[in-house]
Amino acid sequence: MNDLVSLLASQGPLVVFVATLAARLGAPVPAVPFLIVAGGLSVGGQISFTAVVAASVVGNILGDGAWFLAGRRWGYRVMRLLCRISLSADSCVQRSESILGRWGGLSLIAAKFVPGVSVVAPPMAGALGMSNLRFLAYETAGALIWGLGFLLVGCVFHSAIKDVLAVLSQIGITAAVICAALLLVFIGWRYRVRRAAQVANDIEHIAVDVLRAALASGSAPTVIDVRGAAARALDTRVIPGAVGIELKHLPKGLGPLADGRELVVFCDCPDDASALAGARLLIAAGLPRVRVLRGGLDAWVAAEAAAALPQADAVPA
């Protein structure tokens, strides 16, 4: 612990820059504690407050800027990647979409304080077409608010921080092991919650080929796309005839569709997580004829592409 304090005292701006950049890129690096400790050290003149602020801002802009440009370039593919590795895969895009839709550019500021959204908001802003200048303006403002906020916390409570650091330095390796163990327990708990949400023994699935045949028949089920409006704007792929009803609007958003007809729910999310959640909401509302499209939108698009291949091969030479 004394080594950490010495490192911050001698290379504070660099340490804060690296920690902030890593955190913004999505690495499990606790940038906030570095900022708070750096703020406490700045009170005694051991570190330059201005230099740390600048390092934090630059780290934010570079990290979030990389995701912003990735979202601009690859759109929904980046969002799917981030949510696939997220411990809250079923809600990461939904929360980001809610913040972005409610506050627009200000969401880039708010997202920095919301776990699980801070990495998703920049690529979503890029994918939705936010201009570079507007992104840079909001990102800089958010980086200043975020960095100054935690640095000032360190300044105000610098005496208490020094006491805590003194205790931790005496505990030494034990403290590090305890912190690591608590982090592993938290990750394990979140993973277990995620896996439990994906258990679909209570929900019936329907295969893409079966749904295709049903849609071609006279007794086609009603297909419901539970993606949010921003998610549908990011990914314009659709299932013909599908009705878009956001997960948060189920089951009330069904309206006349809640007449007993069969409902097939789909999403474009890891392990059909949102579709499963939507199906459970519909079943709980007394609509028993509910199934989830296995594989979601990806499976549908893949099947459509596969079905088109023989036609292309059949073109006369």
Protein backbone atom coordinates (compact mmCIF):
# COMPACT_ATOMS: atom_id res chain seq x y z
CA MET A 1 0.00 0.00 0.00
CA ASN A 2 2.89 2.34 0.72
CA ASP A 3 4.21 1.46 -2.74
CA LEU A 4 0.89 2.53 -4.24
CA VAL A 5 0.96 5.86 -2.42
CA SER A 6 4.56 6.39 -3.49
CA LEU A 7 3.65 5.58 -7.09
CA LEU A 8 0.77 8.04 -7.04
CA ALA A 9 2.93 10.70 -5.45
CA SER A 10 5.66 10.31 -8.08
CA GLN A 11 3.62 9.37 -11.18
CA GLY A 12 0.12 10.46 -10.18
CA PRO A 13 -1.10 11.91 -13.49
CA LEU A 14 0.21 8.93 -15.45
CA VAL A 15 -1.36 6.41 -13.06
CA VAL A 16 -4.70 8.23 -13.17
CA PHE A 17 -4.55 8.44 -16.97
CA VAL A 18 -3.85 4.73 -17.40
CA ALA A 19 -6.51 3.70 -14.85
CA THR A 20 -9.13 5.99 -16.38
CA LEU A 21 -8.37 4.93 -19.94
CA ALA A 22 -8.52 1.25 -19.00
CA ALA A 23 -11.82 1.72 -17.16
CA ARG A 24 -13.38 3.58 -20.10
CA LEU A 25 -12.27 0.86 -22.48
CA GLY A 26 -14.12 -1.65 -20.30
CA ALA A 27 -11.31 -3.23 -18.28
CA PRO A 28 -12.15 -4.08 -14.65
CA VAL A 29 -9.88 -1.32 -13.32
CA PRO A 30 -11.08 0.73 -10.29
CA ALA A 31 -10.29 4.23 -11.54
CA VAL A 32 -12.38 6.00 -8.90
CA PRO A 33 -10.22 4.97 -5.90
CA PHE A 34 -7.14 6.27 -7.73
CA LEU A 35 -8.86 9.62 -8.24
CA ILE A 36 -9.96 9.86 -4.63
CA VAL A 37 -6.52 9.01 -3.29
CA ALA A 38 -4.93 11.42 -5.77
CA GLY A 39 -7.27 14.14 -4.54
CA GLY A 40 -6.21 13.49 -0.96
CA LEU A 41 -2.53 13.60 -1.90
CA SER A 42 -3.00 16.89 -3.75
CA VAL A 43 -3.97 18.61 -0.50
CA GLY A 44 -0.48 18.05 0.88
CA GLY A 45 1.15 19.14 -2.37
CA GLN A 46 2.38 15.62 -3.16
CA ILE A 47 0.65 15.64 -6.52
CA SER A 48 -0.55 18.32 -8.95
CA PHE A 49 -4.33 18.68 -8.84
CA THR A 50 -4.44 20.31 -12.30
CA ALA A 51 -2.29 17.62 -13.88
CA VAL A 52 -4.49 14.85 -12.47
CA VAL A 53 -7.63 16.56 -13.77
CA ALA A 54 -6.08 16.83 -17.23
CA ALA A 55 -4.98 13.19 -17.16
CA SER A 56 -8.46 12.06 -16.15
CA VAL A 57 -10.14 14.10 -18.90
CA VAL A 58 -7.77 12.83 -21.60
CA GLY A 59 -8.23 9.22 -20.44
CA ASN A 60 -12.00 9.61 -20.61
CA ILE A 61 -11.99 11.17 -24.05
CA LEU A 62 -9.63 8.61 -25.57
CA GLY A 63 -11.42 5.60 -24.03
CA ASP A 64 -14.98 6.72 -24.75
CA GLY A 65 -13.90 8.15 -28.10
CA ALA A 66 -12.65 4.75 -29.21
CA TRP A 67 -16.03 3.16 -28.43
CA PHE A 68 -17.87 6.11 -30.03
CA LEU A 69 -15.98 5.62 -33.30
CA ALA A 70 -16.49 1.85 -33.09
CA GLY A 71 -20.23 2.41 -32.71
CA ARG A 72 -20.18 4.79 -35.68
CA ARG A 73 -18.35 2.21 -37.78
CA TRP A 74 -19.96 -1.10 -36.75
CA GLY A 75 -23.26 -0.07 -35.14
CA TYR A 76 -25.32 -2.78 -33.49
CA ARG A 77 -22.50 -5.32 -33.76
CA VAL A 78 -20.53 -3.39 -31.15
CA MET A 79 -23.57 -3.22 -28.87
CA ARG A 80 -24.09 -6.96 -29.13
CA LEU A 81 -20.44 -7.60 -28.31
CA LEU A 82 -20.56 -5.40 -25.21
CA CYS A 83 -23.78 -6.93 -23.97
CA ARG A 84 -22.57 -10.46 -24.62
CA ILE A 85 -19.66 -9.95 -22.20
CA SER A 86 -21.71 -7.93 -19.73
CA LEU A 87 -22.83 -9.50 -16.46
CA SER A 88 -26.20 -7.82 -17.08
CA ALA A 89 -26.61 -8.69 -20.74
CA ASP A 90 -30.39 -8.44 -20.75
CA SER A 91 -30.45 -4.86 -19.51
CA CYS A 92 -27.27 -3.13 -20.64
CA VAL A 93 -28.65 -1.81 -23.93
CA GLN A 94 -32.07 -1.10 -22.42
CA ARG A 95 -30.63 1.08 -19.65
CA SER A 96 -28.35 2.89 -22.10
CA GLU A 97 -31.23 3.39 -24.52
CA SER A 98 -33.44 4.75 -21.73
CA ILE A 99 -30.82 7.27 -20.61
CA LEU A 100 -29.93 8.30 -24.17
CA GLY A 101 -33.57 8.69 -25.19
CA ARG A 102 -34.46 10.69 -22.10
CA TRP A 103 -31.48 13.03 -21.91
CA GLY A 104 -29.85 12.95 -25.34
CA GLY A 105 -26.26 14.16 -25.22
CA LEU A 106 -26.49 14.68 -21.48
CA SER A 107 -26.67 10.91 -21.20
CA LEU A 108 -22.93 10.79 -21.86
CA ILE A 109 -22.48 12.68 -18.60
CA ALA A 110 -25.04 10.68 -16.61
CA ALA A 111 -23.74 7.35 -17.94
CA LYS A 112 -20.37 7.85 -16.26
CA PHE A 113 -22.05 7.39 -12.89
CA VAL A 114 -24.19 4.38 -13.86
CA PRO A 115 -22.42 0.98 -13.67
CA GLY A 116 -22.90 -1.13 -16.77
CA VAL A 117 -23.89 1.87 -18.91
CA SER A 118 -20.71 3.94 -18.99
CA VAL A 119 -19.10 1.73 -21.64
CA VAL A 120 -22.28 1.20 -23.66
CA ALA A 121 -23.43 4.84 -24.01
CA PRO A 122 -20.57 6.11 -26.24
CA PRO A 123 -20.89 3.42 -28.95
CA MET A 124 -24.66 3.79 -28.87
CA ALA A 125 -24.29 7.56 -29.39
CA GLY A 126 -21.96 6.88 -32.32
CA ALA A 127 -24.26 4.28 -33.85
CA LEU A 128 -27.23 6.64 -33.60
CA GLY A 129 -25.36 9.33 -35.54
CA MET A 130 -24.32 11.87 -32.91
CA SER A 131 -21.89 14.34 -34.49
CA ASN A 132 -18.21 14.26 -33.53
CA LEU A 133 -18.30 17.83 -32.24
CA ARG A 134 -21.36 17.25 -30.08
CA PHE A 135 -19.89 14.06 -28.68
CA LEU A 136 -16.61 15.80 -27.85
CA ALA A 137 -18.43 18.66 -26.11
CA TYR A 138 -20.57 16.40 -23.92
CA GLU A 139 -17.74 13.96 -23.31
CA THR A 140 -15.39 16.72 -22.15
CA ALA A 141 -18.05 18.15 -19.84
CA GLY A 142 -18.81 14.71 -18.44
CA ALA A 143 -15.13 13.91 -17.96
CA LEU A 144 -14.61 17.16 -16.03
CA ILE A 145 -17.64 16.58 -13.81
CA TRP A 146 -16.69 12.96 -13.15
CA GLY A 147 -13.00 13.61 -12.52
CA LEU A 148 -13.42 16.78 -10.45
CA GLY A 149 -16.18 15.18 -8.40
CA PHE A 150 -14.07 12.29 -7.13
CA LEU A 151 -10.93 14.39 -6.79
CA LEU A 152 -12.81 16.86 -4.60
CA VAL A 153 -14.10 13.97 -2.50
CA GLY A 154 -10.47 13.05 -1.90
CA CYS A 155 -9.61 16.65 -1.03
CA VAL A 156 -12.46 17.00 1.46
CA PHE A 157 -11.78 13.69 3.19
CA HIS A 158 -7.99 13.65 2.82
CA SER A 159 -7.43 13.10 6.55
CA ALA A 160 -9.73 10.08 6.64
CA ILE A 161 -8.15 8.73 3.45
CA LYS A 162 -4.71 8.91 5.00
CA ASP A 163 -5.97 7.01 8.03
CA VAL A 164 -7.50 4.32 5.82
CA LEU A 165 -4.31 4.02 3.80
CA ALA A 166 -2.29 3.72 7.00
CA VAL A 167 -4.50 0.86 8.21
CA LEU A 168 -4.36 -0.86 4.83
CA SER A 169 -0.58 -0.55 4.74
CA GLN A 170 -0.40 -2.37 8.08
CA ILE A 171 -2.73 -5.12 6.88
CA GLY A 172 -0.75 -5.39 3.65
CA ILE A 173 -1.28 -8.50 1.58
CA THR A 174 -4.25 -9.58 3.70
CA ALA A 175 -6.20 -6.53 2.56
CA ALA A 176 -5.43 -7.26 -1.08
CA VAL A 177 -6.54 -10.89 -0.72
CA ILE A 178 -9.77 -9.87 1.01
CA CYS A 179 -10.57 -7.29 -1.69
CA ALA A 180 -9.82 -9.79 -4.44
CA ALA A 181 -11.98 -12.42 -2.75
CA LEU A 182 -14.90 -9.99 -2.40
CA LEU A 183 -14.58 -9.04 -6.06
CA LEU A 184 -14.63 -12.69 -7.11
CA VAL A 185 -17.68 -13.35 -4.92
CA PHE A 186 -19.50 -10.41 -6.51
CA ILE A 187 -18.64 -11.53 -10.05
CA GLY A 188 -19.71 -15.08 -9.21
CA TRP A 189 -23.00 -13.86 -7.76
CA ARG A 190 -23.74 -11.70 -10.81
CA TYR A 191 -22.89 -14.58 -13.13
CA ARG A 192 -25.18 -16.92 -11.21
CA VAL A 193 -28.01 -14.39 -11.39
CA ARG A 194 -27.46 -14.06 -15.12
CA ARG A 195 -27.43 -17.81 -15.70
CA ALA A 196 -30.55 -18.25 -13.55
CA ALA A 197 -32.36 -15.69 -15.70
CA GLN A 198 -31.45 -17.69 -18.79
CA VAL A 199 -32.95 -20.96 -17.54
CA ALA A 200 -35.86 -21.44 -19.89
CA ASN A 201 -37.45 -24.67 -18.71
CA ASP A 202 -40.68 -22.78 -18.09
CA ILE A 203 -40.79 -21.21 -21.56
CA GLU A 204 -41.56 -23.02 -24.80
CA HIS A 205 -39.37 -22.21 -27.79
CA ILE A 206 -40.12 -22.25 -31.49
CA ALA A 207 -37.53 -22.96 -34.19
CA VAL A 208 -37.05 -20.57 -37.10
CA ASP A 209 -38.17 -23.09 -39.72
CA VAL A 210 -41.35 -23.81 -37.78
CA LEU A 211 -42.12 -20.10 -37.49
CA ARG A 212 -41.43 -19.57 -41.19
CA ALA A 213 -43.89 -22.33 -42.04
CA ALA A 214 -46.47 -20.91 -39.63
CA LEU A 215 -46.18 -17.41 -41.11
CA ALA A 216 -46.71 -18.88 -44.56
CA SER A 217 -49.90 -20.60 -43.42
CA GLY A 218 -53.28 -19.10 -42.74
CA SER A 219 -52.98 -19.37 -38.96
CA ALA A 220 -49.84 -17.34 -38.40
CA PRO A 221 -48.94 -16.34 -34.82
CA THR A 222 -48.35 -12.74 -33.82
CA VAL A 223 -44.61 -12.04 -33.71
CA ILE A 224 -43.45 -9.48 -31.14
CA ASP A 225 -40.12 -7.66 -31.29
CA VAL A 226 -39.28 -6.61 -27.71
CA ARG A 227 -36.25 -4.51 -28.65
CA GLY A 228 -36.39 -0.84 -27.73
CA ALA A 229 -36.80 1.92 -30.31
CA ALA A 230 -33.10 2.84 -30.24
CA ALA A 231 -32.09 -0.81 -30.60
CA ARG A 232 -34.33 -1.15 -33.65
CA ALA A 233 -32.81 2.04 -35.07
CA LEU A 234 -29.33 0.58 -34.57
CA ASP A 235 -30.25 -2.76 -36.14
CA THR A 236 -32.77 -2.35 -38.96
CA ARG A 237 -33.10 -6.08 -39.60
CA VAL A 238 -36.71 -7.22 -39.10
CA ILE A 239 -38.97 -10.23 -39.23
CA PRO A 240 -41.76 -9.42 -41.73
CA GLY A 241 -44.99 -8.61 -39.97
CA ALA A 242 -43.45 -8.39 -36.49
CA VAL A 243 -44.95 -5.89 -34.06
CA GLY A 244 -42.51 -3.77 -32.08
CA ILE A 245 -43.47 -3.57 -28.41
CA GLU A 246 -40.75 -2.68 -25.93
CA LEU A 247 -40.23 -5.01 -23.01
CA LYS A 248 -41.20 -2.30 -20.52
CA HIS A 249 -44.58 -1.90 -22.26
CA LEU A 250 -45.58 -5.54 -21.95
CA PRO A 251 -48.26 -6.73 -21.51
CA LYS A 252 -50.25 -3.46 -21.65
CA GLY A 253 -48.86 -2.57 -25.05
CA LEU A 254 -50.51 -5.62 -26.63
CA GLY A 255 -53.91 -3.96 -26.85
CA PRO A 256 -56.20 -5.95 -29.18
CA LEU A 257 -53.43 -8.49 -29.73
CA ALA A 258 -54.21 -9.94 -26.29
CA ASP A 259 -57.15 -11.91 -27.66
CA GLY A 260 -55.84 -15.42 -27.09
CA ARG A 261 -53.91 -15.80 -30.33
CA GLU A 262 -50.46 -17.38 -30.17
CA LEU A 263 -47.60 -14.97 -29.51
CA VAL A 264 -43.97 -15.48 -30.54
CA VAL A 265 -41.48 -13.19 -28.82
CA PHE A 266 -37.98 -12.45 -30.08
CA CYS A 267 -35.06 -10.12 -29.44
CA ASP A 268 -31.48 -9.60 -30.59
CA CYS A 269 -29.72 -10.28 -27.32
CA PRO A 270 -27.46 -12.93 -25.77
CA ASP A 271 -29.27 -16.17 -24.92
CA ASP A 272 -32.67 -14.64 -25.85
CA ALA A 273 -32.61 -12.97 -22.42
CA SER A 274 -35.05 -10.13 -23.16
CA ALA A 275 -37.38 -12.41 -25.11
CA LEU A 276 -37.53 -14.82 -22.19
CA ALA A 277 -38.29 -11.95 -19.82
CA GLY A 278 -41.05 -10.73 -22.14
CA ALA A 279 -42.56 -14.20 -22.45
CA ARG A 280 -42.69 -14.55 -18.67
CA LEU A 281 -44.46 -11.20 -18.40
CA LEU A 282 -47.06 -12.28 -20.95
CA ILE A 283 -47.62 -15.66 -19.31
CA ALA A 284 -47.96 -13.99 -15.90
CA ALA A 285 -50.63 -11.73 -17.43
CA GLY A 286 -52.70 -14.80 -18.36
CA LEU A 287 -51.60 -15.30 -21.95
CA PRO A 288 -50.62 -18.98 -22.03
CA ARG A 289 -49.94 -19.33 -25.78
CA VAL A 290 -46.52 -17.71 -25.75
CA ARG A 291 -43.28 -19.00 -27.26
CA VAL A 292 -39.79 -17.56 -27.75
CA LEU A 293 -38.03 -17.67 -31.10
CA ARG A 294 -34.93 -19.78 -30.54
CA GLY A 295 -31.84 -17.81 -31.51
CA GLY A 296 -33.78 -14.60 -31.99
CA LEU A 297 -33.24 -12.24 -34.88
CA ASP A 298 -29.81 -13.64 -35.69
CA ALA A 299 -31.24 -17.11 -36.28
CA TRP A 300 -34.01 -15.69 -38.45
CA VAL A 301 -31.61 -13.66 -40.63
CA ALA A 302 -29.24 -16.63 -40.95
CA ALA A 303 -32.11 -18.85 -42.07
CA GLU A 304 -33.26 -16.25 -44.61
CA ALA A 305 -29.73 -16.03 -46.02
CA ALA A 306 -29.45 -19.81 -46.21
CA ALA A 307 -32.81 -20.06 -47.97
CA ALA A 308 -31.67 -17.55 -50.58
CA LEU A 309 -28.49 -19.47 -51.46
CA PRO A 310 -30.13 -22.22 -53.62
CA GLN A 311 -31.89 -19.53 -55.65
CA ALA A 312 -28.59 -17.85 -56.36
CA ASP A 313 -27.02 -21.20 -57.30
CA ALA A 314 -29.91 -22.02 -59.57
CA VAL A 315 -29.25 -19.10 -61.94
CA PRO A 316 -28.53 -20.56 -65.41
CA ALA A 317 -24.97 -20.30 -66.66
